[in-house]
Protein backbone atom coordinates (compact mmCIF):
# COMPACT_ATOMS: atom_id res chain seq x y z
CA MET A 1 0.13 0.05 0.10
CA ASN A 2 1.64 3.22 -0.47
CA MET A 3 2.13 5.19 2.64
CA HIS A 4 3.26 8.65 0.80
CA VAL A 5 -0.17 10.48 1.13
CA SER A 6 0.25 13.46 3.51
CA TYR A 7 -1.44 13.08 7.14
CA LYS A 8 -4.00 16.04 7.28
CA TRP A 9 -5.14 14.44 3.35
CA THR A 10 -5.77 11.49 5.19
CA LEU A 11 -7.13 12.43 8.23
CA TRP A 12 -9.65 14.25 5.75
CA ILE A 13 -10.63 11.13 3.93
CA LEU A 14 -10.97 9.49 7.31
CA VAL A 15 -13.03 11.57 8.57
CA LEU A 16 -15.72 12.15 5.67
CA VAL A 17 -15.99 8.38 4.50
CA ALA A 18 -13.91 5.40 6.11
CA LEU A 19 -15.79 5.47 9.75
CA SER A 20 -19.02 7.00 9.25
CA ILE A 21 -18.44 9.93 11.15
CA ALA A 22 -20.61 13.26 11.36
CA LEU A 23 -21.11 13.47 8.01
CA VAL A 24 -23.79 15.05 5.74
CA GLY A 25 -25.49 17.93 5.83
CA CYS A 26 -29.53 16.86 4.58
CA GLN A 27 -30.22 13.95 6.24
CA SER A 28 -33.49 12.08 5.87
CA GLY A 29 -34.24 12.05 9.59
CA ASP A 30 -36.07 14.78 11.25
CA SER A 31 -32.67 17.14 11.88
CA GLU A 32 -30.27 18.26 9.59
CA VAL A 33 -26.61 17.54 10.30
CA GLU A 34 -23.44 18.69 9.09
CA ALA A 35 -20.25 17.73 7.74
CA THR A 36 -16.81 17.12 9.62
CA THR A 37 -13.85 18.05 8.70
CA PRO A 38 -10.28 17.95 10.52
CA ALA A 39 -9.13 20.79 12.33
CA SER A 40 -5.85 21.79 9.97
CA THR A 41 -8.20 22.43 7.35
CA ALA A 42 -9.53 25.46 9.35
CA THR A 43 -13.02 24.50 8.08
CA PRO A 44 -16.18 24.33 10.32
CA ARG A 45 -15.54 21.66 12.90
CA VAL A 46 -18.29 19.70 14.96
CA THR A 47 -17.76 16.48 17.00
CA ALA A 48 -18.84 13.22 16.33
CA ALA A 49 -22.01 14.09 18.57
CA GLU A 50 -24.50 11.03 19.37
CA GLU A 51 -27.58 12.53 16.99
CA THR A 52 -24.78 12.71 14.05
CA GLN A 53 -24.32 8.71 14.18
CA ARG A 54 -26.43 7.65 11.37
CA GLU A 55 -26.12 4.34 9.62
CA ALA A 56 -26.64 6.67 6.52
CA THR A 57 -23.49 7.90 6.66
CA SER A 58 -21.35 4.57 5.77
CA VAL A 59 -21.78 4.17 1.98
CA PRO A 60 -19.93 0.25 1.72
CA THR A 61 -22.18 -1.38 -1.30
CA THR A 62 -21.76 -1.12 -4.77
CA VAL A 63 -24.34 -1.35 -7.75
CA GLU A 64 -24.71 -4.15 -10.48
CA GLY A 65 -21.12 -6.31 -10.15
CA ASP A 66 -17.92 -5.88 -8.11
CA ALA A 67 -14.98 -4.57 -8.33
CA GLY A 68 -12.52 -7.33 -7.35
CA GLU A 69 -11.01 -6.04 -4.45
CA PRO A 70 -8.85 -8.86 -2.87
CA GLU A 71 -10.36 -9.96 0.30
CA ALA A 72 -8.34 -9.13 4.02
CA ASP A 73 -8.45 -9.73 7.37
CA GLU A 74 -11.79 -8.18 9.05
CA ALA A 75 -10.24 -5.53 10.21
CA SER A 76 -7.80 -4.38 8.68
CA PRO A 77 -7.23 -1.10 7.18
CA GLU A 78 -7.81 -3.26 3.75
CA SER A 79 -10.86 -4.50 4.21
CA LEU A 80 -13.08 -1.77 6.08
CA VAL A 81 -12.35 0.07 2.61
CA PRO A 82 -15.72 0.86 0.85
CA THR A 83 -16.28 -0.98 -2.43
CA PRO A 84 -16.39 1.77 -5.20
CA ALA A 85 -19.58 2.36 -6.30
CA ILE A 86 -20.32 1.08 -10.03
CA PHE A 87 -22.99 3.41 -11.86
CA PRO A 88 -24.89 2.23 -15.24
CA PHE A 89 -25.12 5.84 -17.14
CA GLU A 90 -26.76 4.47 -19.89
CA GLY A 91 -30.52 3.03 -20.23
CA GLN A 92 -31.89 4.50 -17.43
CA GLY A 93 -33.50 7.58 -18.40
CA GLU A 94 -34.13 9.45 -21.89
CA ASP A 95 -31.99 12.33 -21.09
CA ASP A 96 -29.10 10.89 -19.33
CA ALA A 97 -26.79 12.81 -21.64
CA LEU A 98 -28.42 16.22 -20.89
CA ILE A 99 -27.46 16.03 -16.81
CA ALA A 100 -23.73 15.06 -17.27
CA LEU A 101 -21.07 17.29 -17.73
CA GLY A 102 -17.74 17.07 -19.38
CA ASP A 103 -16.05 14.39 -21.38
CA PRO A 104 -17.45 11.30 -20.81
CA GLU A 105 -13.59 9.48 -21.40
CA ALA A 106 -12.52 11.50 -18.76
CA PRO A 107 -10.20 10.02 -16.10
CA VAL A 108 -12.40 10.72 -13.17
CA THR A 109 -16.35 10.48 -12.67
CA VAL A 110 -18.07 12.22 -10.18
CA VAL A 111 -21.81 11.04 -9.37
CA GLU A 112 -23.64 13.81 -6.82
CA PHE A 113 -26.71 12.64 -5.07
CA SER A 114 -28.41 16.02 -4.37
CA ASP A 115 -31.82 17.70 -2.93
CA PHE A 116 -32.48 21.08 -4.50
CA GLN A 117 -34.34 22.20 -1.03
CA CYS A 118 -31.73 20.85 1.30
CA PRO A 119 -29.46 24.09 2.35
CA TYR A 120 -25.99 22.19 2.26
CA CYS A 121 -26.59 21.35 -1.55
CA LEU A 122 -26.85 25.19 -1.70
CA ILE A 123 -23.73 25.93 -0.17
CA HIS A 124 -22.03 23.03 -2.45
CA PHE A 125 -23.89 24.99 -5.02
CA GLN A 126 -22.47 28.65 -4.09
CA GLN A 127 -18.81 27.91 -3.08
CA THR A 128 -17.88 25.07 -4.69
CA TRP A 129 -19.23 24.32 -8.09
CA PRO A 130 -18.15 27.02 -9.95
CA THR A 131 -14.45 25.96 -9.56
CA LEU A 132 -15.45 22.64 -9.75
CA LYS A 133 -17.04 23.53 -13.63
CA GLU A 134 -14.22 25.51 -14.54
CA GLN A 135 -11.24 24.18 -13.33
CA TYR A 136 -12.31 20.49 -13.88
CA ILE A 137 -15.60 19.69 -15.93
CA ASP A 138 -14.94 22.21 -18.52
CA ALA A 139 -10.94 21.34 -18.63
CA GLY A 140 -11.88 17.37 -19.48
CA ARG A 141 -10.50 16.19 -16.43
CA VAL A 142 -14.05 14.91 -14.60
CA TYR A 143 -17.42 13.74 -16.19
CA TYR A 144 -20.35 14.90 -14.05
CA VAL A 145 -23.70 13.45 -13.34
CA VAL A 146 -26.14 14.72 -11.11
CA LYS A 147 -28.57 12.54 -9.50
CA ASP A 148 -31.79 13.35 -7.58
CA PHE A 149 -32.13 12.23 -3.84
CA PRO A 150 -34.98 14.45 -2.43
CA LEU A 151 -35.51 14.14 1.57
CA THR A 152 -39.36 14.43 1.34
CA SER A 153 -39.61 13.92 4.99
CA VAL A 154 -38.01 17.34 5.72
CA HIS A 155 -37.86 18.78 2.08
CA PRO A 156 -41.57 17.91 0.45
CA GLU A 157 -41.04 20.67 -1.90
CA ALA A 158 -38.24 18.79 -3.41
CA PRO A 159 -39.69 16.15 -5.57
CA LYS A 160 -41.25 18.07 -7.74
CA ALA A 161 -38.10 20.84 -8.10
CA ALA A 162 -36.16 17.87 -9.40
CA GLU A 163 -39.31 16.76 -11.80
CA ALA A 164 -39.40 20.51 -13.02
CA ALA A 165 -35.24 20.19 -13.65
CA HIS A 166 -35.79 16.94 -15.40
CA CYS A 167 -39.40 18.83 -17.62
CA ALA A 168 -36.60 21.34 -18.70
CA ALA A 169 -34.09 18.65 -19.90
CA GLU A 170 -36.51 17.95 -22.73
CA GLN A 171 -35.82 20.92 -23.92
CA ASP A 172 -32.07 21.06 -23.23
CA ALA A 173 -32.26 23.26 -20.62
CA TYR A 174 -31.08 21.23 -17.37
CA TRP A 175 -28.45 23.16 -16.45
CA GLU A 176 -30.30 25.95 -16.59
CA MET A 177 -32.84 25.13 -14.32
CA HIS A 178 -30.81 23.36 -11.97
CA ASP A 179 -29.04 26.65 -11.25
CA ARG A 180 -31.80 28.48 -11.38
CA LEU A 181 -33.84 26.34 -8.66
CA PHE A 182 -30.91 26.35 -6.46
CA GLU A 183 -30.60 30.34 -7.03
CA GLY A 184 -34.40 30.92 -6.17
CA GLN A 185 -34.47 28.25 -3.71
CA ALA A 186 -35.21 30.48 -0.73
CA GLU A 187 -38.36 31.75 -3.00
CA TRP A 188 -40.07 28.40 -2.97
CA ALA A 189 -38.89 26.46 -0.50
CA GLU A 190 -41.64 25.78 2.03
CA ASN A 191 -44.21 27.93 0.04
CA PRO A 192 -47.28 26.18 -1.29
CA GLU A 193 -46.80 28.25 -4.58
CA HIS A 194 -43.91 26.23 -5.33
CA LEU A 195 -45.55 24.63 -8.46
CA ALA A 196 -46.12 28.15 -9.84
CA LEU A 197 -42.46 29.56 -9.56
CA PHE A 198 -41.25 26.47 -11.03
CA LYS A 199 -43.05 27.53 -14.25
CA GLY A 200 -42.49 30.91 -13.75
CA TYR A 201 -38.70 29.56 -13.93
CA ALA A 202 -39.28 27.94 -17.49
CA GLY A 203 -40.80 30.94 -18.09
CA GLU A 204 -38.09 33.10 -17.95
CA LEU A 205 -35.69 30.95 -19.28
CA GLY A 206 -37.55 30.93 -22.29
CA LEU A 207 -38.95 27.34 -22.52
CA ASP A 208 -42.16 26.31 -24.40
CA GLN A 209 -44.18 26.80 -21.32
CA ALA A 210 -46.94 24.81 -22.53
CA ALA A 211 -44.88 21.89 -23.05
CA PHE A 212 -43.37 22.58 -19.63
CA ASP A 213 -46.85 23.28 -17.69
CA GLN A 214 -47.75 19.33 -19.04
CA CYS A 215 -44.79 17.70 -18.11
CA LEU A 216 -44.87 19.06 -14.34
CA ASP A 217 -48.58 18.61 -14.45
CA GLY A 218 -48.71 15.38 -15.70
CA GLY A 219 -45.73 13.83 -13.70
CA ARG A 220 -44.32 12.68 -16.63
CA GLN A 221 -40.77 13.02 -14.76
CA THR A 222 -41.82 11.32 -11.28
CA ASP A 223 -40.71 7.74 -12.18
CA ARG A 224 -36.76 8.93 -13.14
CA VAL A 225 -37.03 11.03 -9.80
CA GLN A 226 -37.89 7.87 -8.22
CA ALA A 227 -35.61 5.43 -10.27
CA ASP A 228 -32.35 7.88 -9.12
CA GLN A 229 -33.99 7.88 -5.80
CA ASP A 230 -33.87 3.67 -5.51
CA GLU A 231 -30.08 3.83 -6.78
CA GLY A 232 -28.95 6.47 -3.86
CA LEU A 233 -30.93 4.05 -1.21
CA ALA A 234 -29.38 1.03 -2.71
CA LEU A 235 -25.80 2.77 -2.40
CA GLY A 236 -26.55 3.45 1.26
CA VAL A 237 -27.06 7.14 0.54
CA GLY A 238 -29.28 8.77 3.82
CA GLY A 239 -28.08 12.44 3.03
CA THR A 240 -27.48 15.30 0.57
CA PRO A 241 -25.18 16.13 -1.05
CA ILE A 242 -23.52 13.23 -1.52
CA PHE A 243 -20.02 12.53 -4.12
CA PHE A 244 -19.08 9.30 -5.22
CA ILE A 245 -15.45 10.36 -6.79
CA GLY A 246 -14.36 7.34 -8.75
CA GLY A 247 -17.05 5.37 -7.20
CA TYR A 248 -15.95 6.05 -3.41
CA PRO A 249 -18.36 8.39 -1.49
CA PHE A 250 -17.83 11.94 0.09
CA SER A 251 -20.60 13.42 2.51
CA GLY A 252 -21.29 17.22 3.08
CA ALA A 253 -20.80 20.59 1.06
CA LEU A 254 -17.14 20.23 1.01
CA PRO A 255 -14.80 22.57 0.08
CA ILE A 256 -12.99 22.86 -3.70
CA ASP A 257 -9.53 21.67 -1.81
CA PHE A 258 -11.12 18.41 -0.88
CA PHE A 259 -12.13 18.07 -4.41
CA ASP A 260 -8.83 18.89 -5.56
CA GLN A 261 -6.87 16.55 -3.78
CA ALA A 262 -9.32 13.59 -4.27
CA ILE A 263 -9.34 14.18 -8.05
CA THR A 264 -5.50 14.22 -8.00
CA LEU A 265 -5.46 10.83 -6.31
CA ALA A 266 -8.10 9.13 -8.16
CA GLU A 267 -6.35 10.53 -11.26
CA SER A 268 -3.12 8.88 -10.02
CA GLY A 269 -5.28 5.62 -8.50
CA GLN A 270 -4.25 6.40 -5.06
CA LEU A 271 -7.48 6.86 -3.86
CA ARG A 272 -7.99 3.94 -2.34
CA ASP A 273 -4.65 3.75 -0.51
CA ALA A 274 -5.18 7.01 1.08
CA ILE A 275 -8.34 5.90 2.59
CA ALA A 276 -7.00 2.72 3.70
CA ASP A 277 -4.03 4.76 5.37
CA ALA A 278 -6.51 6.84 7.19
CA ILE A 279 -7.96 4.17 8.48
CA ALA A 280 -5.05 2.26 9.48
CA ARG A 281 -4.03 5.91 11.20
CA ALA A 282 -7.36 6.53 12.61
CA GLN A 283 -6.93 2.54 14.50
CA ALA A 284 -3.62 3.99 15.92
CA GLU A 285 -5.16 7.18 17.42
CA GLN A 286 -8.44 5.23 18.51
CA GLU A 287 -6.30 2.78 20.40
CA GLN A 288 -3.97 6.10 22.07
CA GLN A 289 -7.44 7.83 22.81
CA ALA A 290 -8.49 4.98 24.62
CA GLN A 291 -5.31 5.85 27.05
CA PRO A 292 -6.27 8.21 29.91
CA GLN A 293 -5.51 11.32 28.88
CA PRO A 294 -4.65 14.34 30.94
CA THR A 295 -7.16 17.28 31.70
CA LEU A 296 -6.41 20.10 28.98
CA ALA A 297 -5.54 23.34 31.93
CA PRO A 298 -8.19 26.06 31.15
CA VAL A 299 -7.75 28.84 29.23
CA ASP A 300 -7.81 32.27 30.14
CA VAL A 301 -9.38 34.12 27.63
CA PRO A 302 -9.62 37.90 27.48
CA ILE A 303 -13.00 39.27 27.50
CA GLY A 304 -11.77 42.79 26.00
CA ASP A 305 -14.69 44.78 25.10
CA ALA A 306 -16.56 41.87 23.57
CA PRO A 307 -20.26 41.96 23.30
CA MET A 308 -21.83 40.64 26.13
CA LYS A 309 -25.09 38.69 27.03
CA GLY A 310 -26.20 38.38 30.90
CA ASP A 311 -25.14 39.18 34.58
CA PRO A 312 -21.66 40.89 34.34
CA ASP A 313 -20.76 38.58 38.04
CA ALA A 314 -22.85 35.37 36.36
CA PRO A 315 -20.78 32.37 38.04
CA VAL A 316 -20.02 30.08 34.75
CA THR A 317 -18.20 32.28 31.99
CA ILE A 318 -18.74 31.21 27.66
CA VAL A 319 -16.55 32.94 24.99
CA GLU A 320 -17.67 31.95 21.49
CA TYR A 321 -15.24 32.26 18.73
CA SER A 322 -17.84 32.19 15.78
CA GLU A 323 -18.52 33.71 12.13
CA TYR A 324 -21.38 34.37 10.61
CA GLN A 325 -20.99 32.70 7.42
CA CYS A 326 -20.81 29.21 8.62
CA PRO A 327 -23.59 27.06 8.05
CA TYR A 328 -22.85 25.30 11.88
CA CYS A 329 -22.58 28.97 13.72
CA ALA A 330 -25.61 29.18 12.26
CA ARG A 331 -27.06 26.17 13.73
CA HIS A 332 -25.58 26.44 17.33
CA ALA A 333 -26.95 30.41 17.52
CA LEU A 334 -30.64 29.70 16.13
CA GLU A 335 -31.00 26.10 18.17
CA THR A 336 -29.03 26.38 21.70
CA ILE A 337 -28.10 29.89 22.16
CA PRO A 338 -32.26 30.46 22.54
CA LEU A 339 -31.95 27.73 24.91
CA LEU A 340 -28.67 28.70 26.70
CA GLN A 341 -30.36 32.44 26.94
CA GLU A 342 -34.27 31.21 28.25
CA ASN A 343 -32.23 28.14 31.16
CA TYR A 344 -28.45 30.16 32.16
CA ILE A 345 -28.36 33.55 30.83
CA GLN A 346 -31.54 35.08 31.57
CA THR A 347 -31.22 33.77 35.55
CA GLY A 348 -27.94 34.95 35.74
CA LYS A 349 -25.71 32.12 35.83
CA VAL A 350 -24.14 32.56 32.39
CA ARG A 351 -22.45 35.14 31.17
CA TYR A 352 -22.01 35.07 27.22
CA PHE A 353 -19.30 36.41 25.01
CA PHE A 354 -19.21 36.45 20.47
CA LYS A 355 -15.26 37.02 19.44
CA ASP A 356 -14.97 37.29 15.43
CA PHE A 357 -12.66 33.64 14.31
CA PRO A 358 -13.96 34.66 10.12
CA LEU A 359 -12.42 31.88 7.86
CA THR A 360 -11.86 33.81 4.93
CA SER A 361 -10.89 30.99 2.44
CA ILE A 362 -13.87 29.64 2.46
CA HIS A 363 -16.45 32.32 3.92
CA PRO A 364 -15.08 35.37 2.04
CA GLN A 365 -18.52 37.66 3.30
CA ALA A 366 -17.49 36.92 6.52
CA VAL A 367 -15.11 39.58 7.59
CA LYS A 368 -17.99 42.13 6.38
CA ALA A 369 -20.63 40.27 7.85
CA ALA A 370 -18.71 40.81 11.53
CA GLU A 371 -18.10 44.02 10.37
CA ALA A 372 -21.75 44.71 10.38
CA ALA A 373 -22.42 43.09 13.95
CA ARG A 374 -19.68 45.57 15.30
CA CYS A 375 -21.65 48.93 13.76
CA ALA A 376 -24.26 47.66 14.65
CA ASP A 377 -22.98 47.98 18.43
CA GLU A 378 -21.46 51.10 17.85
CA LEU A 379 -24.74 52.81 17.23
CA GLY A 380 -27.06 51.12 19.54
CA GLY A 381 -25.06 48.89 22.25
CA ASP A 382 -24.95 45.49 23.25
CA GLU A 383 -28.63 45.12 22.43
CA ALA A 384 -28.11 46.55 18.59
CA TYR A 385 -25.05 44.13 18.41
CA TRP A 386 -27.04 40.90 19.32
CA ASP A 387 -29.59 41.88 16.90
CA MET A 388 -27.94 41.76 13.97
CA HIS A 389 -26.24 38.81 14.84
CA ASP A 390 -29.32 36.90 14.99
CA ARG A 391 -30.44 38.75 11.78
CA LEU A 392 -27.18 37.68 10.62
CA PHE A 393 -27.77 34.03 11.00
CA THR A 394 -31.67 34.13 10.42
CA GLY A 395 -30.83 35.86 6.60
CA GLN A 396 -27.50 33.54 6.02
CA ALA A 397 -28.80 31.87 3.08
CA GLU A 398 -29.50 35.40 1.41
CA TRP A 399 -26.15 36.62 1.80
CA SER A 400 -24.04 34.07 2.15
CA GLY A 401 -21.79 33.92 -1.61
CA GLN A 402 -23.86 36.69 -2.94
CA ALA A 403 -21.99 39.77 -4.53
CA ASN A 404 -24.70 41.94 -3.53
CA ASN A 405 -24.14 41.08 0.51
CA ILE A 406 -23.04 44.20 1.76
CA GLU A 407 -26.32 45.58 0.59
CA VAL A 408 -27.95 43.33 2.41
CA PHE A 409 -26.09 43.75 5.48
CA LYS A 410 -27.06 47.45 4.93
CA GLY A 411 -30.87 46.54 4.87
CA TYR A 412 -30.52 44.75 8.40
CA ALA A 413 -29.20 47.81 9.54
CA GLY A 414 -32.93 49.57 8.03
CA GLU A 415 -35.09 46.82 8.91
CA LEU A 416 -33.60 46.70 12.92
CA GLY A 417 -34.34 50.68 13.16
CA LEU A 418 -30.61 51.73 13.10
CA ALA A 419 -29.47 54.70 12.01
CA GLN A 420 -28.62 54.28 8.08
CA GLY A 421 -26.90 56.62 6.64
CA ASP A 422 -24.53 55.96 10.06
CA PHE A 423 -24.36 52.01 9.38
CA ASP A 424 -23.05 52.60 5.69
CA GLU A 425 -20.37 55.07 6.71
CA CYS A 426 -19.56 52.89 8.98
CA LEU A 427 -19.65 49.72 7.13
CA ASP A 428 -17.87 51.15 4.21
CA SER A 429 -15.23 52.46 5.95
CA GLY A 430 -14.08 49.39 7.50
CA ARG A 431 -12.77 51.06 10.44
CA TYR A 432 -13.57 47.52 12.14
CA ALA A 433 -11.76 45.14 10.15
CA GLY A 434 -8.40 45.58 11.94
CA ALA A 435 -10.74 44.38 15.66
CA VAL A 436 -12.39 41.46 13.67
CA GLN A 437 -8.45 40.48 12.22
CA ALA A 438 -7.32 40.90 16.28
CA ASP A 439 -10.12 38.56 17.21
CA LEU A 440 -9.30 35.69 14.84
CA GLU A 441 -5.61 35.78 15.78
CA GLU A 442 -6.53 36.17 19.40
CA GLY A 443 -8.09 32.80 18.85
CA ILE A 444 -5.15 31.19 16.81
CA GLY A 445 -3.39 31.92 19.70
CA PHE A 446 -5.74 29.80 21.93
CA GLY A 447 -5.97 26.85 19.60
CA VAL A 448 -8.47 27.41 17.66
CA THR A 449 -8.93 26.11 14.05
CA GLY A 450 -12.74 25.74 13.45
CA VAL A 451 -15.78 27.10 14.69
CA PRO A 452 -18.00 27.45 16.24
CA ALA A 453 -15.08 27.17 19.18
CA LEU A 454 -16.24 27.71 22.63
CA PHE A 455 -14.19 28.25 26.12
CA ILE A 456 -16.33 27.76 29.29
CA ASN A 457 -14.73 29.23 32.28
CA GLY A 458 -11.66 28.51 29.94
CA GLN A 459 -12.39 25.10 29.00
CA PRO A 460 -12.50 24.31 25.09
CA LEU A 461 -16.17 22.71 23.72
CA VAL A 462 -15.66 22.52 20.09
CA GLY A 463 -18.07 22.07 17.53
CA ALA A 464 -22.07 22.81 17.12
CA GLN A 465 -22.62 20.47 19.96
CA PRO A 466 -26.18 19.62 20.89
CA TYR A 467 -27.65 21.94 24.09
CA GLN A 468 -27.58 19.12 26.01
CA VAL A 469 -23.35 19.14 26.13
CA PHE A 470 -23.59 22.23 27.39
CA GLU A 471 -26.48 21.44 30.29
CA GLN A 472 -24.33 19.07 31.51
CA VAL A 473 -20.90 21.14 31.62
CA ILE A 474 -22.90 24.36 33.29
CA GLU A 475 -24.34 21.95 35.91
CA ALA A 476 -21.07 20.38 36.40
CA LEU A 477 -19.39 23.69 37.08
CA LEU A 478 -21.86 25.41 38.78
CA ALA A 479 -21.82 22.34 41.55
CA GLY A 480 -18.07 23.28 41.84
CA GLU A 481 -17.34 19.69 39.81
């Protein structure tokens, strides 16, 4: 086995595929969970919390035959590498050629199972897809195929969105509709008028309206969408987006650097070796982690002028390093902080501070979002800061990845009743850019590499942990344990 693959890379593969830990954004259960990447990539991090352990994240099966890999010992790294899937690209539907991009003879095939209503599929479309298409598909290195996997239990409009794309494919406009559906996701998702909106998109694209409407209303593409979903289920797919690169499954809204390395390894025939290498390293790490580990010493995080919620004399202090464009930070802000607010912050038990840690390599709008919150603080104090904090997270899908993000931030200021001219001048001046950078550098000094990262009375807690984890830690601290 080739062992000349970097540790950073093999760990990345490990977390995303080999051991099925906390993968994929949109899942077919009652909640949506997110991808985990290693600290060294400086991308959003989530630990393997119990709620994210799902069978659907492991895809060790194959379709139509076996790749002929030699058998290995049951517990060996080689035996744990998934068998690469083999996809029948012909004969499934009349529009097969219309929903694939690139050269069919390209050295690497990527198959994506996706859901037009999934917010993590939207993140892939906004942040990764343009570069992937330009640098790999258009360059002849990748043949790219999209397959439908609508998660109807959480995204009831998704099946009809997929049908709309295939109805457009009947008029050679699959990819135009694909893009328009993602661009308009906020318009039609959970909207009872979604069918009318899909028909409106067809009109925007110059399609034969009557033919499109007849296709969509008649359910002509329903079986096609179901066939893709059945194929995904046979492979063990349970969430979206999931990408089969050279047949190997990788889950979640992955950054372009991931595709760069995975495609390069697939081209050179090293992808399987890298996965096996990752598993071997993980087994060694698990053995090491099974041994008693020293307790981390608390970190004395300076509060400074960081915005605060709660009683300044509360016995428990939580400091969060976070950023506004990270979907995992949004989950923490919208699901966990309200419970902390109700049970601990308002009751005088916890004081909560926020510090900026923008991951500019993958979230280029995060810095200006942080500046927008600070401008709100300048004009209205802590209350205005937290109002903008919440508005930036609730509106994340509106501005993330959008060229007009600054105008959106200014619109939020108007909604919140801030002095518009003063806010606009503050944001345009960039006078808080240095303060945002200072928070980032401070966090790096404490070992922060991904967000959200929190310190509870100085003890680090990384990732979008469920509320119950915070409850246990806070109660232990209050009890003096």
